[in-house]
Amino acid sequence: MRKLKILFMGTPDFAVGSLKALVESGHNIVGVVTAPDKPAGRGRKLKSSAVKQYAQSQDLKILQPTNLKSDEFQNELKECDPNLIVVVAFRMLPKMVWEYPSFGTFNLHASLLPHYRGAAPINWAIINGEKETGVTTFFIDEDIDTGNIIDSENVEILPKDDVERLHDKLMNVGAELVVKTVEAIQNQEISPKSQKAESELKGAPKLDKTNTKINWNQDAENIHNFIRGLSPFPVAWTELNMNNEVLKLKIYKVQHQIEKHNRPIGSTFIEDKSIKVAVRNGFILIKELQFPGKKRMSTASLLNGMGWDNSFYFLS
């Protein structure tokens, strides 16, 4: 059995699950690399990453480099002298870093590779209406998410899952897979396989304002998947024509109905304390939304507070 010296790299909550699992399973963590503290909130006070906060609670050595190629970080890397690097939700590594450990550097990715390579695999799996996704461990190489696969686990996507729910499921399954992968490397029981695509690859590009706007001309199920695939972050948005004033709204939660109708696309009306929006083959029932400068609220609260005019309509 190999004696491992693990350097862990990660930043958000998703990575904490894997680090916690490694610590609790008794593995030797020689250091934790995470993002530098950043100003946050109205007071712009420095805030530590979720990984740093957990690492501090476990008295682990913490490194927060701004430049992974710098002499300072290279010296810190040599001081830690890891023979395995584990990466979960961290930035792209230079070759001089991922090549350093003798047993390699592996990454946990929140999809079943080779599908959904990229920055937002959880979101895009839901947006595309997938019934299943998963997590994959693979050795890092010079390209993004293309290295040899070590292991993977499938995870079902339920109709009620949004990004938050699926994130937590994948985080927990991923943490178990990271420990399983580390122990397989420790026991020399791995057989990495190259990534082969049997069909056209589905990508997971970064989400921004250009690809998170709701298109009300789509069918009801696609719009429903789009909104839940962006909730609670970064959130689907739309434009509402409200008495000839156009407002940008965020939509967090909806239901959908498949039904024939002759209403104009984007038109709205109230039924059963829901705002119903006419789409191509039915209706979208808005359950939670957010107006500019306001807090996220239920449709019922909105209707109790300000009401709704059926002349309002959404723009595609």
C-alpha atoms as a PDB file:
ATOM      1  CA  MET A   1       0.000   0.000   0.000  1.00  0.00           C
ATOM      2  CA  ARG A   2       1.353   3.410  -0.995  1.00  0.00           C
ATOM      3  CA  LYS A   3       1.721   6.141   1.618  1.00  0.00           C
ATOM      4  CA  LEU A   4      -0.089   9.169   0.273  1.00  0.00           C
ATOM      5  CA  LYS A   5       0.640  12.840   0.897  1.00  0.00           C
ATOM      6  CA  ILE A   6      -2.403  14.645  -0.490  1.00  0.00           C
ATOM      7  CA  LEU A   7      -2.596  18.293  -1.488  1.00  0.00           C
ATOM      8  CA  PHE A   8      -6.255  19.288  -1.833  1.00  0.00           C
ATOM      9  CA  MET A   9      -7.375  22.124  -4.125  1.00  0.00           C
ATOM     10  CA  GLY A  10     -10.870  23.610  -4.043  1.00  0.00           C
ATOM     11  CA  THR A  11     -12.886  26.693  -3.178  1.00  0.00           C
ATOM     12  CA  PRO A  12     -16.739  26.494  -2.924  1.00  0.00           C
ATOM     13  CA  ASP A  13     -19.150  24.433  -0.820  1.00  0.00           C
ATOM     14  CA  PHE A  14     -19.131  21.681  -3.454  1.00  0.00           C
ATOM     15  CA  ALA A  15     -15.452  21.032  -2.674  1.00  0.00           C
ATOM     16  CA  VAL A  16     -15.943  20.974   1.103  1.00  0.00           C
ATOM     17  CA  GLY A  17     -17.815  17.675   0.907  1.00  0.00           C
ATOM     18  CA  SER A  18     -14.803  15.940  -0.664  1.00  0.00           C
ATOM     19  CA  LEU A  19     -12.242  17.507   1.677  1.00  0.00           C
ATOM     20  CA  LYS A  20     -14.364  16.590   4.702  1.00  0.00           C
ATOM     21  CA  ALA A  21     -14.694  12.998   3.461  1.00  0.00           C
ATOM     22  CA  LEU A  22     -10.920  12.697   3.017  1.00  0.00           C
ATOM     23  CA  VAL A  23     -10.259  14.092   6.499  1.00  0.00           C
ATOM     24  CA  GLU A  24     -12.863  11.867   8.153  1.00  0.00           C
ATOM     25  CA  SER A  25     -11.545   8.768   6.374  1.00  0.00           C
ATOM     26  CA  GLY A  26      -8.102   9.415   7.890  1.00  0.00           C
ATOM     27  CA  HIS A  27      -6.110  10.396   4.807  1.00  0.00           C
ATOM     28  CA  ASN A  28      -2.966  12.498   5.121  1.00  0.00           C
ATOM     29  CA  ILE A  29      -3.704  16.033   3.916  1.00  0.00           C
ATOM     30  CA  VAL A  30      -0.410  17.940   3.679  1.00  0.00           C
ATOM     31  CA  GLY A  31      -2.042  21.175   2.549  1.00  0.00           C
ATOM     32  CA  VAL A  32      -5.166  22.841   1.192  1.00  0.00           C
ATOM     33  CA  VAL A  33      -5.007  25.297  -1.715  1.00  0.00           C
ATOM     34  CA  THR A  34      -7.949  27.664  -2.090  1.00  0.00           C
ATOM     35  CA  ALA A  35      -8.825  31.089  -3.494  1.00  0.00           C
ATOM     36  CA  PRO A  36      -7.632  34.277  -1.760  1.00  0.00           C
ATOM     37  CA  ASP A  37     -10.116  36.021   0.540  1.00  0.00           C
ATOM     38  CA  LYS A  38     -12.421  38.414  -1.341  1.00  0.00           C
ATOM     39  CA  PRO A  39     -14.448  41.480  -0.315  1.00  0.00           C
ATOM     40  CA  ALA A  40     -18.139  40.642   0.101  1.00  0.00           C
ATOM     41  CA  GLY A  41     -21.356  42.270   1.271  1.00  0.00           C
ATOM     42  CA  ARG A  42     -22.185  45.928   1.800  1.00  0.00           C
ATOM     43  CA  GLY A  43     -19.242  46.458   4.113  1.00  0.00           C
ATOM     44  CA  ARG A  44     -16.874  44.844   1.595  1.00  0.00           C
ATOM     45  CA  LYS A  45     -15.231  42.879   4.377  1.00  0.00           C
ATOM     46  CA  LEU A  46     -12.883  40.093   3.343  1.00  0.00           C
ATOM     47  CA  LYS A  47     -14.601  36.717   3.209  1.00  0.00           C
ATOM     48  CA  SER A  48     -12.873  33.345   3.229  1.00  0.00           C
ATOM     49  CA  SER A  49     -13.866  30.534   0.876  1.00  0.00           C
ATOM     50  CA  ALA A  50     -15.962  27.648   2.187  1.00  0.00           C
ATOM     51  CA  VAL A  51     -12.947  25.355   1.807  1.00  0.00           C
ATOM     52  CA  LYS A  52     -10.715  27.681   3.830  1.00  0.00           C
ATOM     53  CA  GLN A  53     -13.276  27.879   6.614  1.00  0.00           C
ATOM     54  CA  TYR A  54     -13.445  24.082   6.851  1.00  0.00           C
ATOM     55  CA  ALA A  55      -9.657  23.709   6.596  1.00  0.00           C
ATOM     56  CA  GLN A  56      -9.219  26.180   9.463  1.00  0.00           C
ATOM     57  CA  SER A  57     -11.631  24.164  11.604  1.00  0.00           C
ATOM     58  CA  GLN A  58      -9.404  21.120  11.060  1.00  0.00           C
ATOM     59  CA  ASP A  59      -6.084  22.971  11.571  1.00  0.00           C
ATOM     60  CA  LEU A  60      -4.924  22.105   8.065  1.00  0.00           C
ATOM     61  CA  LYS A  61      -2.134  24.002   6.308  1.00  0.00           C
ATOM     62  CA  ILE A  62      -3.759  26.587   3.985  1.00  0.00           C
ATOM     63  CA  LEU A  63      -2.270  28.114   0.832  1.00  0.00           C
ATOM     64  CA  GLN A  64      -3.980  30.986  -1.028  1.00  0.00           C
ATOM     65  CA  PRO A  65      -1.856  31.787  -4.078  1.00  0.00           C
ATOM     66  CA  THR A  66      -2.852  34.469  -6.570  1.00  0.00           C
ATOM     67  CA  ASN A  67      -0.458  33.041  -9.155  1.00  0.00           C
ATOM     68  CA  LEU A  68       0.076  29.297  -9.389  1.00  0.00           C
ATOM     69  CA  LYS A  69       3.200  29.808 -11.523  1.00  0.00           C
ATOM     70  CA  SER A  70       4.891  32.173  -9.067  1.00  0.00           C
ATOM     71  CA  ASP A  71       8.165  31.237  -7.380  1.00  0.00           C
ATOM     72  CA  GLU A  72       6.449  31.720  -4.018  1.00  0.00           C
ATOM     73  CA  PHE A  73       3.801  29.093  -4.732  1.00  0.00           C
ATOM     74  CA  GLN A  74       6.304  26.735  -6.350  1.00  0.00           C
ATOM     75  CA  ASN A  75       8.356  26.870  -3.161  1.00  0.00           C
ATOM     76  CA  GLU A  76       5.232  26.219  -1.063  1.00  0.00           C
ATOM     77  CA  LEU A  77       4.413  23.264  -3.303  1.00  0.00           C
ATOM     78  CA  LYS A  78       7.879  21.802  -2.732  1.00  0.00           C
ATOM     79  CA  GLU A  79       7.542  22.307   1.022  1.00  0.00           C
ATOM     80  CA  CYS A  80       4.276  20.347   1.057  1.00  0.00           C
ATOM     81  CA  ASP A  81       5.835  17.813  -1.348  1.00  0.00           C
ATOM     82  CA  PRO A  82       2.578  15.996  -2.205  1.00  0.00           C
ATOM     83  CA  ASN A  83       2.625  12.759  -4.149  1.00  0.00           C
ATOM     84  CA  LEU A  84      -1.079  13.163  -5.063  1.00  0.00           C
ATOM     85  CA  ILE A  85      -3.133  16.272  -5.797  1.00  0.00           C
ATOM     86  CA  VAL A  86      -6.936  16.156  -5.553  1.00  0.00           C
ATOM     87  CA  VAL A  87      -8.843  18.962  -7.298  1.00  0.00           C
ATOM     88  CA  VAL A  88     -12.528  19.763  -6.744  1.00  0.00           C
ATOM     89  CA  ALA A  89     -14.061  22.977  -8.126  1.00  0.00           C
ATOM     90  CA  PHE A  90     -10.843  24.938  -8.502  1.00  0.00           C
ATOM     91  CA  ARG A  91      -9.281  26.942 -11.303  1.00  0.00           C
ATOM     92  CA  MET A  92      -7.265  25.562 -14.207  1.00  0.00           C
ATOM     93  CA  LEU A  93      -3.806  24.355 -13.166  1.00  0.00           C
ATOM     94  CA  PRO A  94      -0.545  25.010 -15.020  1.00  0.00           C
ATOM     95  CA  LYS A  95       1.332  21.926 -16.172  1.00  0.00           C
ATOM     96  CA  MET A  96       4.143  22.551 -13.688  1.00  0.00           C
ATOM     97  CA  VAL A  97       1.623  22.026 -10.877  1.00  0.00           C
ATOM     98  CA  TRP A  98      -0.428  19.035 -12.059  1.00  0.00           C
ATOM     99  CA  GLU A  99       2.735  17.223 -13.185  1.00  0.00           C
ATOM    100  CA  TYR A 100       4.440  17.635  -9.802  1.00  0.00           C
ATOM    101  CA  PRO A 101       3.028  14.692  -7.769  1.00  0.00           C
ATOM    102  CA  SER A 102       4.403  11.244  -8.601  1.00  0.00           C
ATOM    103  CA  PHE A 103       0.954   9.602  -8.373  1.00  0.00           C
ATOM    104  CA  GLY A 104      -0.715  12.266 -10.485  1.00  0.00           C
ATOM    105  CA  THR A 105      -3.384  14.943 -10.122  1.00  0.00           C
ATOM    106  CA  PHE A 106      -7.041  14.035 -10.427  1.00  0.00           C
ATOM    107  CA  ASN A 107     -10.166  16.140 -10.622  1.00  0.00           C
ATOM    108  CA  LEU A 108     -13.778  15.511  -9.609  1.00  0.00           C
ATOM    109  CA  HIS A 109     -16.191  16.754 -12.291  1.00  0.00           C
ATOM    110  CA  ALA A 110     -19.952  17.016 -11.791  1.00  0.00           C
ATOM    111  CA  SER A 111     -21.027  15.130 -14.914  1.00  0.00           C
ATOM    112  CA  LEU A 112     -20.593  11.812 -16.643  1.00  0.00           C
ATOM    113  CA  LEU A 113     -17.647  12.665 -18.859  1.00  0.00           C
ATOM    114  CA  PRO A 114     -17.083  13.159 -21.730  1.00  0.00           C
ATOM    115  CA  HIS A 115     -20.488  14.882 -21.739  1.00  0.00           C
ATOM    116  CA  TYR A 116     -20.909  18.285 -20.091  1.00  0.00           C
ATOM    117  CA  ARG A 117     -17.309  19.352 -20.011  1.00  0.00           C
ATOM    118  CA  GLY A 118     -17.044  22.959 -18.904  1.00  0.00           C
ATOM    119  CA  ALA A 119     -17.983  25.433 -16.205  1.00  0.00           C
ATOM    120  CA  ALA A 120     -21.664  24.651 -15.532  1.00  0.00           C
ATOM    121  CA  PRO A 121     -22.370  20.907 -15.864  1.00  0.00           C
ATOM    122  CA  ILE A 122     -25.072  20.761 -13.168  1.00  0.00           C
ATOM    123  CA  ASN A 123     -27.062  23.582 -14.743  1.00  0.00           C
ATOM    124  CA  TRP A 124     -26.903  22.306 -18.297  1.00  0.00           C
ATOM    125  CA  ALA A 125     -27.889  18.740 -17.415  1.00  0.00           C
ATOM    126  CA  ILE A 126     -31.158  20.064 -15.954  1.00  0.00           C
ATOM    127  CA  ILE A 127     -31.683  22.654 -18.700  1.00  0.00           C
ATOM    128  CA  ASN A 128     -31.391  19.915 -21.321  1.00  0.00           C
ATOM    129  CA  GLY A 129     -33.951  17.758 -19.541  1.00  0.00           C
ATOM    130  CA  GLU A 130     -31.585  14.917 -18.671  1.00  0.00           C
ATOM    131  CA  LYS A 131     -32.974  12.161 -16.469  1.00  0.00           C
ATOM    132  CA  GLU A 132     -29.516  11.169 -15.240  1.00  0.00           C
ATOM    133  CA  THR A 133     -26.122  12.733 -14.639  1.00  0.00           C
ATOM    134  CA  GLY A 134     -23.273  11.858 -12.299  1.00  0.00           C
ATOM    135  CA  VAL A 135     -19.742  12.537 -11.128  1.00  0.00           C
ATOM    136  CA  THR A 136     -16.423  11.525 -12.656  1.00  0.00           C
ATOM    137  CA  THR A 137     -12.847  11.410 -11.404  1.00  0.00           C
ATOM    138  CA  PHE A 138     -10.148  11.781 -14.048  1.00  0.00           C
ATOM    139  CA  PHE A 139      -6.451  12.564 -14.293  1.00  0.00           C
ATOM    140  CA  ILE A 140      -5.808  16.154 -15.350  1.00  0.00           C
ATOM    141  CA  ASP A 141      -4.028  16.759 -18.644  1.00  0.00           C
ATOM    142  CA  GLU A 142      -3.318  19.826 -20.782  1.00  0.00           C
ATOM    143  CA  ASP A 143      -6.905  20.344 -21.960  1.00  0.00           C
ATOM    144  CA  ILE A 144     -10.083  21.049 -19.956  1.00  0.00           C
ATOM    145  CA  ASP A 145     -11.914  17.973 -18.592  1.00  0.00           C
ATOM    146  CA  THR A 146     -10.381  15.631 -21.173  1.00  0.00           C
ATOM    147  CA  GLY A 147      -8.028  13.431 -19.137  1.00  0.00           C
ATOM    148  CA  ASN A 148      -8.218   9.675 -18.601  1.00  0.00           C
ATOM    149  CA  ILE A 149     -11.223   8.621 -16.535  1.00  0.00           C
ATOM    150  CA  ILE A 150     -10.549   6.799 -13.264  1.00  0.00           C
ATOM    151  CA  ASP A 151     -14.102   6.184 -12.005  1.00  0.00           C
ATOM    152  CA  SER A 152     -17.657   7.533 -12.109  1.00  0.00           C
ATOM    153  CA  GLU A 153     -21.036   7.263 -10.367  1.00  0.00           C
ATOM    154  CA  ASN A 154     -24.483   7.878 -11.841  1.00  0.00           C
ATOM    155  CA  VAL A 155     -27.062  10.123 -10.148  1.00  0.00           C
ATOM    156  CA  GLU A 156     -30.753  10.339 -11.054  1.00  0.00           C
ATOM    157  CA  ILE A 157     -32.253  13.747 -11.848  1.00  0.00           C
ATOM    158  CA  LEU A 158     -35.784  13.945 -10.447  1.00  0.00           C
ATOM    159  CA  PRO A 159     -38.487  16.205 -11.960  1.00  0.00           C
ATOM    160  CA  LYS A 160     -38.480  18.321  -8.770  1.00  0.00           C
ATOM    161  CA  ASP A 161     -34.701  18.811  -8.748  1.00  0.00           C
ATOM    162  CA  ASP A 162     -33.342  22.301  -9.257  1.00  0.00           C
ATOM    163  CA  VAL A 163     -29.647  23.224  -9.254  1.00  0.00           C
ATOM    164  CA  GLU A 164     -29.470  23.456  -5.457  1.00  0.00           C
ATOM    165  CA  ARG A 165     -30.936  19.990  -4.872  1.00  0.00           C
ATOM    166  CA  LEU A 166     -28.866  18.331  -7.586  1.00  0.00           C
ATOM    167  CA  HIS A 167     -25.716  20.164  -6.424  1.00  0.00           C
ATOM    168  CA  ASP A 168     -26.098  18.670  -2.948  1.00  0.00           C
ATOM    169  CA  LYS A 169     -26.714  15.154  -4.278  1.00  0.00           C
ATOM    170  CA  LEU A 170     -23.673  15.335  -6.550  1.00  0.00           C
ATOM    171  CA  MET A 171     -21.548  16.823  -3.766  1.00  0.00           C
ATOM    172  CA  ASN A 172     -22.304  13.874  -1.480  1.00  0.00           C
ATOM    173  CA  VAL A 173     -21.879  11.193  -4.139  1.00  0.00           C
ATOM    174  CA  GLY A 174     -18.774  12.989  -5.393  1.00  0.00           C
ATOM    175  CA  ALA A 175     -17.225  13.024  -1.923  1.00  0.00           C
ATOM    176  CA  GLU A 176     -17.645   9.255  -1.704  1.00  0.00           C
ATOM    177  CA  LEU A 177     -16.139   8.845  -5.167  1.00  0.00           C
ATOM    178  CA  VAL A 178     -13.119  10.989  -4.268  1.00  0.00           C
ATOM    179  CA  VAL A 179     -12.350   8.771  -1.264  1.00  0.00           C
ATOM    180  CA  LYS A 180     -12.897   5.642  -3.371  1.00  0.00           C
ATOM    181  CA  THR A 181     -10.544   7.004  -6.043  1.00  0.00           C
ATOM    182  CA  VAL A 182      -7.848   7.972  -3.528  1.00  0.00           C
ATOM    183  CA  GLU A 183      -7.949   4.515  -1.985  1.00  0.00           C
ATOM    184  CA  ALA A 184      -7.789   2.863  -5.401  1.00  0.00           C
ATOM    185  CA  ILE A 185      -4.685   4.928  -6.221  1.00  0.00           C
ATOM    186  CA  GLN A 186      -3.243   4.063  -2.814  1.00  0.00           C
ATOM    187  CA  ASN A 187      -3.780   0.340  -3.445  1.00  0.00           C
ATOM    188  CA  GLN A 188      -2.667   0.516  -7.103  1.00  0.00           C
ATOM    189  CA  GLU A 189      -6.063  -0.711  -8.262  1.00  0.00           C
ATOM    190  CA  ILE A 190      -6.874   1.793 -11.002  1.00  0.00           C
ATOM    191  CA  SER A 191      -7.218   1.278 -14.752  1.00  0.00           C
ATOM    192  CA  PRO A 192      -7.703   4.749 -16.275  1.00  0.00           C
ATOM    193  CA  LYS A 193      -9.559   4.846 -19.587  1.00  0.00           C
ATOM    194  CA  SER A 194      -9.403   7.484 -22.304  1.00  0.00           C
ATOM    195  CA  GLN A 195     -12.541   9.511 -22.913  1.00  0.00           C
ATOM    196  CA  LYS A 196     -14.422   8.243 -25.952  1.00  0.00           C
ATOM    197  CA  ALA A 197     -17.583   9.853 -27.275  1.00  0.00           C
ATOM    198  CA  GLU A 198     -20.151   7.516 -28.805  1.00  0.00           C
ATOM    199  CA  SER A 199     -22.364  10.449 -29.799  1.00  0.00           C
ATOM    200  CA  GLU A 200     -22.150  14.204 -30.245  1.00  0.00           C
ATOM    201  CA  LEU A 201     -20.842  15.747 -27.050  1.00  0.00           C
ATOM    202  CA  LYS A 202     -23.063  17.949 -24.900  1.00  0.00           C
ATOM    203  CA  GLY A 203     -21.221  20.941 -23.475  1.00  0.00           C
ATOM    204  CA  ALA A 204     -21.565  23.007 -20.301  1.00  0.00           C
ATOM    205  CA  PRO A 205     -20.424  26.526 -21.205  1.00  0.00           C
ATOM    206  CA  LYS A 206     -20.224  29.346 -18.710  1.00  0.00           C
ATOM    207  CA  LEU A 207     -23.554  31.002 -17.903  1.00  0.00           C
ATOM    208  CA  ASP A 208     -24.042  34.721 -18.374  1.00  0.00           C
ATOM    209  CA  LYS A 209     -26.732  37.264 -19.283  1.00  0.00           C
ATOM    210  CA  THR A 210     -26.735  36.142 -22.908  1.00  0.00           C
ATOM    211  CA  ASN A 211     -27.729  32.510 -22.289  1.00  0.00           C
ATOM    212  CA  THR A 212     -29.923  32.783 -19.179  1.00  0.00           C
ATOM    213  CA  LYS A 213     -32.790  34.807 -20.664  1.00  0.00           C
ATOM    214  CA  ILE A 214     -36.129  32.964 -20.952  1.00  0.00           C
ATOM    215  CA  ASN A 215     -37.456  32.366 -24.451  1.00  0.00           C
ATOM    216  CA  TRP A 216     -41.237  32.199 -24.055  1.00  0.00           C
ATOM    217  CA  ASN A 217     -41.542  30.882 -27.629  1.00  0.00           C
ATOM    218  CA  GLN A 218     -40.263  27.479 -26.517  1.00  0.00           C
ATOM    219  CA  ASP A 219     -42.551  24.698 -25.338  1.00  0.00           C
ATOM    220  CA  ALA A 220     -43.655  24.508 -21.705  1.00  0.00           C
ATOM    221  CA  GLU A 221     -41.417  21.632 -20.619  1.00  0.00           C
ATOM    222  CA  ASN A 222     -38.280  23.213 -22.079  1.00  0.00           C
ATOM    223  CA  ILE A 223     -39.014  26.515 -20.323  1.00  0.00           C
ATOM    224  CA  HIS A 224     -39.658  24.692 -17.048  1.00  0.00           C
ATOM    225  CA  ASN A 225     -36.329  22.836 -17.345  1.00  0.00           C
ATOM    226  CA  PHE A 226     -34.537  26.058 -18.255  1.00  0.00           C
ATOM    227  CA  ILE A 227     -35.804  27.884 -15.166  1.00  0.00           C
ATOM    228  CA  ARG A 228     -35.127  25.061 -12.692  1.00  0.00           C
ATOM    229  CA  GLY A 229     -31.711  24.546 -14.320  1.00  0.00           C
ATOM    230  CA  LEU A 230     -30.792  28.101 -13.328  1.00  0.00           C
ATOM    231  CA  SER A 231     -32.348  28.206  -9.848  1.00  0.00           C
ATOM    232  CA  PRO A 232     -31.203  29.451  -7.386  1.00  0.00           C
ATOM    233  CA  PHE A 233     -28.097  30.559  -9.299  1.00  0.00           C
ATOM    234  CA  PRO A 234     -27.468  32.353 -11.609  1.00  0.00           C
ATOM    235  CA  VAL A 235     -31.305  32.578 -12.067  1.00  0.00           C
ATOM    236  CA  ALA A 236     -33.298  32.788 -15.298  1.00  0.00           C
ATOM    237  CA  TRP A 237     -34.414  36.292 -16.217  1.00  0.00           C
ATOM    238  CA  THR A 238     -37.001  37.873 -18.458  1.00  0.00           C
ATOM    239  CA  GLU A 239     -38.461  41.222 -19.440  1.00  0.00           C
ATOM    240  CA  LEU A 240     -41.983  42.221 -18.425  1.00  0.00           C
ATOM    241  CA  ASN A 241     -43.965  44.891 -20.226  1.00  0.00           C
ATOM    242  CA  MET A 242     -45.849  46.552 -17.402  1.00  0.00           C
ATOM    243  CA  ASN A 243     -47.993  49.439 -18.638  1.00  0.00           C
ATOM    244  CA  ASN A 244     -45.391  50.188 -21.345  1.00  0.00           C
ATOM    245  CA  GLU A 245     -42.574  50.112 -18.785  1.00  0.00           C
ATOM    246  CA  VAL A 246     -40.125  47.235 -19.339  1.00  0.00           C
ATOM    247  CA  LEU A 247     -38.789  45.620 -16.148  1.00  0.00           C
ATOM    248  CA  LYS A 248     -36.209  42.841 -15.793  1.00  0.00           C
ATOM    249  CA  LEU A 249     -37.490  40.055 -13.535  1.00  0.00           C
ATOM    250  CA  LYS A 250     -35.806  36.956 -12.157  1.00  0.00           C
ATOM    251  CA  ILE A 251     -37.865  33.753 -12.157  1.00  0.00           C
ATOM    252  CA  TYR A 252     -36.949  31.111  -9.555  1.00  0.00           C
ATOM    253  CA  LYS A 253     -39.693  28.519  -9.508  1.00  0.00           C
ATOM    254  CA  VAL A 254     -42.433  27.472 -11.930  1.00  0.00           C
ATOM    255  CA  GLN A 255     -44.731  24.632 -12.880  1.00  0.00           C
ATOM    256  CA  HIS A 256     -45.890  23.830 -16.383  1.00  0.00           C
ATOM    257  CA  GLN A 257     -49.099  22.660 -18.046  1.00  0.00           C
ATOM    258  CA  ILE A 258     -49.426  21.122 -21.487  1.00  0.00           C
ATOM    259  CA  GLU A 259     -52.663  22.459 -22.947  1.00  0.00           C
ATOM    260  CA  LYS A 260     -54.038  23.770 -26.243  1.00  0.00           C
ATOM    261  CA  HIS A 261     -54.945  27.460 -26.253  1.00  0.00           C
ATOM    262  CA  ASN A 262     -55.147  30.476 -28.525  1.00  0.00           C
ATOM    263  CA  ARG A 263     -53.631  33.084 -26.214  1.00  0.00           C
ATOM    264  CA  PRO A 264     -50.695  35.214 -27.464  1.00  0.00           C
ATOM    265  CA  ILE A 265     -47.240  33.934 -26.444  1.00  0.00           C
ATOM    266  CA  GLY A 266     -46.049  35.765 -23.307  1.00  0.00           C
ATOM    267  CA  SER A 267     -49.495  36.992 -22.304  1.00  0.00           C
ATOM    268  CA  THR A 268     -50.442  36.577 -18.635  1.00  0.00           C
ATOM    269  CA  PHE A 269     -53.451  36.057 -16.414  1.00  0.00           C
ATOM    270  CA  ILE A 270     -54.102  35.051 -12.800  1.00  0.00           C
ATOM    271  CA  GLU A 271     -55.473  31.666 -11.790  1.00  0.00           C
ATOM    272  CA  ASP A 272     -55.304  29.886  -8.402  1.00  0.00           C
ATOM    273  CA  LYS A 273     -52.888  32.501  -6.987  1.00  0.00           C
ATOM    274  CA  SER A 274     -50.437  31.869  -9.828  1.00  0.00           C
ATOM    275  CA  ILE A 275     -49.306  34.059 -12.696  1.00  0.00           C
ATOM    276  CA  LYS A 276     -49.920  31.968 -15.807  1.00  0.00           C
ATOM    277  CA  VAL A 277     -47.879  32.718 -18.905  1.00  0.00           C
ATOM    278  CA  ALA A 278     -48.987  31.497 -22.327  1.00  0.00           C
ATOM    279  CA  VAL A 279     -46.303  29.556 -24.196  1.00  0.00           C
ATOM    280  CA  ARG A 280     -46.277  27.534 -27.391  1.00  0.00           C
ATOM    281  CA  ASN A 281     -48.015  24.381 -26.180  1.00  0.00           C
ATOM    282  CA  GLY A 282     -49.421  25.326 -22.788  1.00  0.00           C
ATOM    283  CA  PHE A 283     -48.754  27.514 -19.780  1.00  0.00           C
ATOM    284  CA  ILE A 284     -46.006  28.308 -17.299  1.00  0.00           C
ATOM    285  CA  LEU A 285     -47.238  28.914 -13.733  1.00  0.00           C
ATOM    286  CA  ILE A 286     -44.877  31.279 -11.935  1.00  0.00           C
ATOM    287  CA  LYS A 287     -44.480  30.383  -8.256  1.00  0.00           C
ATOM    288  CA  GLU A 288     -41.453  32.454  -7.138  1.00  0.00           C
ATOM    289  CA  LEU A 289     -39.954  35.569  -8.705  1.00  0.00           C
ATOM    290  CA  GLN A 290     -38.019  38.739  -7.969  1.00  0.00           C
ATOM    291  CA  PHE A 291     -38.660  42.298  -9.121  1.00  0.00           C
ATOM    292  CA  PRO A 292     -35.759  44.779  -9.502  1.00  0.00           C
ATOM    293  CA  GLY A 293     -34.642  46.070  -6.099  1.00  0.00           C
ATOM    294  CA  LYS A 294     -36.940  43.643  -4.262  1.00  0.00           C
ATOM    295  CA  LYS A 295     -36.407  40.352  -2.444  1.00  0.00           C
ATOM    296  CA  ARG A 296     -37.285  36.984  -3.892  1.00  0.00           C
ATOM    297  CA  MET A 297     -40.958  36.294  -3.143  1.00  0.00           C
ATOM    298  CA  SER A 298     -43.776  33.859  -3.789  1.00  0.00           C
ATOM    299  CA  THR A 299     -46.375  34.777  -6.376  1.00  0.00           C
ATOM    300  CA  ALA A 300     -49.027  34.625  -3.633  1.00  0.00           C
ATOM    301  CA  SER A 301     -47.142  37.315  -1.656  1.00  0.00           C
ATOM    302  CA  LEU A 302     -46.790  39.452  -4.763  1.00  0.00           C
ATOM    303  CA  LEU A 303     -50.492  39.254  -5.545  1.00  0.00           C
ATOM    304  CA  ASN A 304     -51.399  40.117  -1.962  1.00  0.00           C
ATOM    305  CA  GLY A 305     -49.106  43.148  -2.062  1.00  0.00           C
ATOM    306  CA  MET A 306     -49.380  44.745  -5.465  1.00  0.00           C
ATOM    307  CA  GLY A 307     -51.827  42.722  -7.531  1.00  0.00           C
ATOM    308  CA  TRP A 308     -51.466  41.950 -11.208  1.00  0.00           C
ATOM    309  CA  ASP A 309     -52.935  43.350 -14.393  1.00  0.00           C
ATOM    310  CA  ASN A 310     -53.680  40.807 -17.133  1.00  0.00           C
ATOM    311  CA  SER A 311     -52.467  43.357 -19.665  1.00  0.00           C
ATOM    312  CA  PHE A 312     -48.917  42.723 -18.478  1.00  0.00           C
ATOM    313  CA  TYR A 313     -46.954  40.453 -20.818  1.00  0.00           C
ATOM    314  CA  PHE A 314     -43.476  38.931 -21.067  1.00  0.00           C
ATOM    315  CA  LEU A 315     -41.086  39.705 -23.923  1.00  0.00           C
ATOM    316  CA  SER A 316     -39.034  36.980 -25.613  1.00  0.00           C
END
